[in-house]
Amino acid sequence: MTLLVCPVTRSELRLQKITIKTKSFREGEKEIIAEGILFADNDWFYPIIDRVPRLLVESFLDYEKFLQENLDNYANLKNNLLK
């Protein structure tokens, strides 16, 4: 997570886990974030879908259905970004 930053604000991202999977490696099992949301400063947010962070500026529009299902205040956050 320390390598990822918001492409707009360059701020650190905070993770909200939605779906977690466990994967076995030689070193043991590790937690994999299958679905989640990354939050940055100034109301920016980005979905994680199929283990891939979608760090494009328009991700909040491209993955609207996913975000509506997983963010109670999606409509307010979307309106803030559209301003």
C-alpha atoms as a PDB file:
ATOM      1  CA  MET A   1       0.000   0.000   0.000  1.00  0.00           C
ATOM      2  CA  THR A   2       2.825   2.439   0.620  1.00  0.00           C
ATOM      3  CA  LEU A   3       3.704   2.377  -3.083  1.00  0.00           C
ATOM      4  CA  LEU A   4       0.248   3.413  -4.226  1.00  0.00           C
ATOM      5  CA  VAL A   5      -0.822   7.045  -4.108  1.00  0.00           C
ATOM      6  CA  CYS A   6      -3.821   8.906  -5.461  1.00  0.00           C
ATOM      7  CA  PRO A   7      -3.149   9.930  -9.081  1.00  0.00           C
ATOM      8  CA  VAL A   8      -4.939  13.251  -8.493  1.00  0.00           C
ATOM      9  CA  THR A   9      -3.900  14.428  -5.023  1.00  0.00           C
ATOM     10  CA  ARG A  10      -0.740  12.336  -4.599  1.00  0.00           C
ATOM     11  CA  SER A  11      -1.946  11.576  -1.072  1.00  0.00           C
ATOM     12  CA  GLU A  12      -1.728   8.211   0.651  1.00  0.00           C
ATOM     13  CA  LEU A  13      -4.568   5.786   0.108  1.00  0.00           C
ATOM     14  CA  ARG A  14      -6.642   4.249   2.892  1.00  0.00           C
ATOM     15  CA  LEU A  15      -8.124   0.800   2.325  1.00  0.00           C
ATOM     16  CA  GLN A  16     -11.660  -0.396   2.997  1.00  0.00           C
ATOM     17  CA  LYS A  17     -11.748  -4.165   2.564  1.00  0.00           C
ATOM     18  CA  ILE A  18     -14.883  -5.686   1.076  1.00  0.00           C
ATOM     19  CA  THR A  19     -13.919  -9.217   0.006  1.00  0.00           C
ATOM     20  CA  ILE A  20     -10.808 -11.005   1.259  1.00  0.00           C
ATOM     21  CA  LYS A  21      -9.404 -14.251  -0.066  1.00  0.00           C
ATOM     22  CA  THR A  22      -6.550 -16.357   1.237  1.00  0.00           C
ATOM     23  CA  LYS A  23      -3.871 -17.624  -1.120  1.00  0.00           C
ATOM     24  CA  SER A  24      -1.153 -20.160  -0.331  1.00  0.00           C
ATOM     25  CA  PHE A  25       2.449 -19.358  -1.148  1.00  0.00           C
ATOM     26  CA  ARG A  26       5.679 -21.150  -0.257  1.00  0.00           C
ATOM     27  CA  GLU A  27       6.111 -18.794   2.673  1.00  0.00           C
ATOM     28  CA  GLY A  28       2.588 -19.564   3.902  1.00  0.00           C
ATOM     29  CA  GLU A  29      -0.867 -18.178   3.395  1.00  0.00           C
ATOM     30  CA  LYS A  30      -1.444 -14.500   2.636  1.00  0.00           C
ATOM     31  CA  GLU A  31      -4.506 -12.317   2.662  1.00  0.00           C
ATOM     32  CA  ILE A  32      -5.495 -11.063  -0.791  1.00  0.00           C
ATOM     33  CA  ILE A  33      -7.902  -8.147  -1.229  1.00  0.00           C
ATOM     34  CA  ALA A  34     -10.328  -9.325  -3.912  1.00  0.00           C
ATOM     35  CA  GLU A  35     -12.610  -6.290  -3.636  1.00  0.00           C
ATOM     36  CA  GLY A  36     -12.240  -3.042  -1.795  1.00  0.00           C
ATOM     37  CA  ILE A  37     -12.157   0.707  -2.047  1.00  0.00           C
ATOM     38  CA  LEU A  38      -9.153   3.004  -1.756  1.00  0.00           C
ATOM     39  CA  PHE A  39      -9.801   6.460  -0.301  1.00  0.00           C
ATOM     40  CA  ALA A  40      -7.601   9.524  -0.801  1.00  0.00           C
ATOM     41  CA  ASP A  41      -7.715  13.148   0.309  1.00  0.00           C
ATOM     42  CA  ASN A  42     -10.320  15.557  -1.091  1.00  0.00           C
ATOM     43  CA  ASP A  43     -13.025  12.870  -1.464  1.00  0.00           C
ATOM     44  CA  TRP A  44     -11.253  10.854  -4.185  1.00  0.00           C
ATOM     45  CA  PHE A  45     -11.857   7.111  -4.118  1.00  0.00           C
ATOM     46  CA  TYR A  46     -10.994   4.138  -6.317  1.00  0.00           C
ATOM     47  CA  PRO A  47     -12.394   0.612  -6.470  1.00  0.00           C
ATOM     48  CA  ILE A  48     -10.413  -2.612  -6.226  1.00  0.00           C
ATOM     49  CA  ILE A  49     -12.104  -5.202  -8.431  1.00  0.00           C
ATOM     50  CA  ASP A  50     -10.802  -8.718  -9.074  1.00  0.00           C
ATOM     51  CA  ARG A  51      -7.687  -7.858  -6.995  1.00  0.00           C
ATOM     52  CA  VAL A  52      -6.800  -4.903  -9.273  1.00  0.00           C
ATOM     53  CA  PRO A  53      -6.840  -1.282  -8.021  1.00  0.00           C
ATOM     54  CA  ARG A  54      -8.595   0.884 -10.635  1.00  0.00           C
ATOM     55  CA  LEU A  55      -6.593   4.101 -10.219  1.00  0.00           C
ATOM     56  CA  LEU A  56      -8.035   6.104 -13.098  1.00  0.00           C
ATOM     57  CA  VAL A  57      -9.592   9.505 -12.481  1.00  0.00           C
ATOM     58  CA  GLU A  58     -12.905   8.379 -14.002  1.00  0.00           C
ATOM     59  CA  SER A  59     -13.080   5.082 -12.071  1.00  0.00           C
ATOM     60  CA  PHE A  60     -15.867   6.432  -9.880  1.00  0.00           C
ATOM     61  CA  LEU A  61     -17.994   6.617 -13.047  1.00  0.00           C
ATOM     62  CA  ASP A  62     -16.726   3.493 -14.816  1.00  0.00           C
ATOM     63  CA  TYR A  63     -17.472   1.257 -11.808  1.00  0.00           C
ATOM     64  CA  GLU A  64     -20.555   3.072 -10.566  1.00  0.00           C
ATOM     65  CA  LYS A  65     -22.636  -0.069  -9.982  1.00  0.00           C
ATOM     66  CA  PHE A  66     -19.924  -1.653  -7.796  1.00  0.00           C
ATOM     67  CA  LEU A  67     -19.473   1.556  -5.820  1.00  0.00           C
ATOM     68  CA  GLN A  68     -23.218   2.093  -5.344  1.00  0.00           C
ATOM     69  CA  GLU A  69     -23.482  -1.412  -3.881  1.00  0.00           C
ATOM     70  CA  ASN A  70     -20.556  -0.932  -1.504  1.00  0.00           C
ATOM     71  CA  LEU A  71     -20.631   2.757  -0.498  1.00  0.00           C
ATOM     72  CA  ASP A  72     -23.632   4.090   1.389  1.00  0.00           C
ATOM     73  CA  ASN A  73     -22.755   7.680   0.522  1.00  0.00           C
ATOM     74  CA  TYR A  74     -21.713   7.089  -3.106  1.00  0.00           C
ATOM     75  CA  ALA A  75     -24.146   9.684  -4.512  1.00  0.00           C
ATOM     76  CA  ASN A  76     -22.715  12.435  -2.274  1.00  0.00           C
ATOM     77  CA  LEU A  77     -19.111  11.466  -3.008  1.00  0.00           C
ATOM     78  CA  LYS A  78     -19.810  11.374  -6.742  1.00  0.00           C
ATOM     79  CA  ASN A  79     -21.443  14.817  -6.661  1.00  0.00           C
ATOM     80  CA  ASN A  80     -18.425  16.250  -4.799  1.00  0.00           C
ATOM     81  CA  LEU A  81     -16.058  14.952  -7.452  1.00  0.00           C
ATOM     82  CA  LEU A  82     -18.207  16.187 -10.332  1.00  0.00           C
ATOM     83  CA  LYS A  83     -18.074  19.730  -8.920  1.00  0.00           C
END
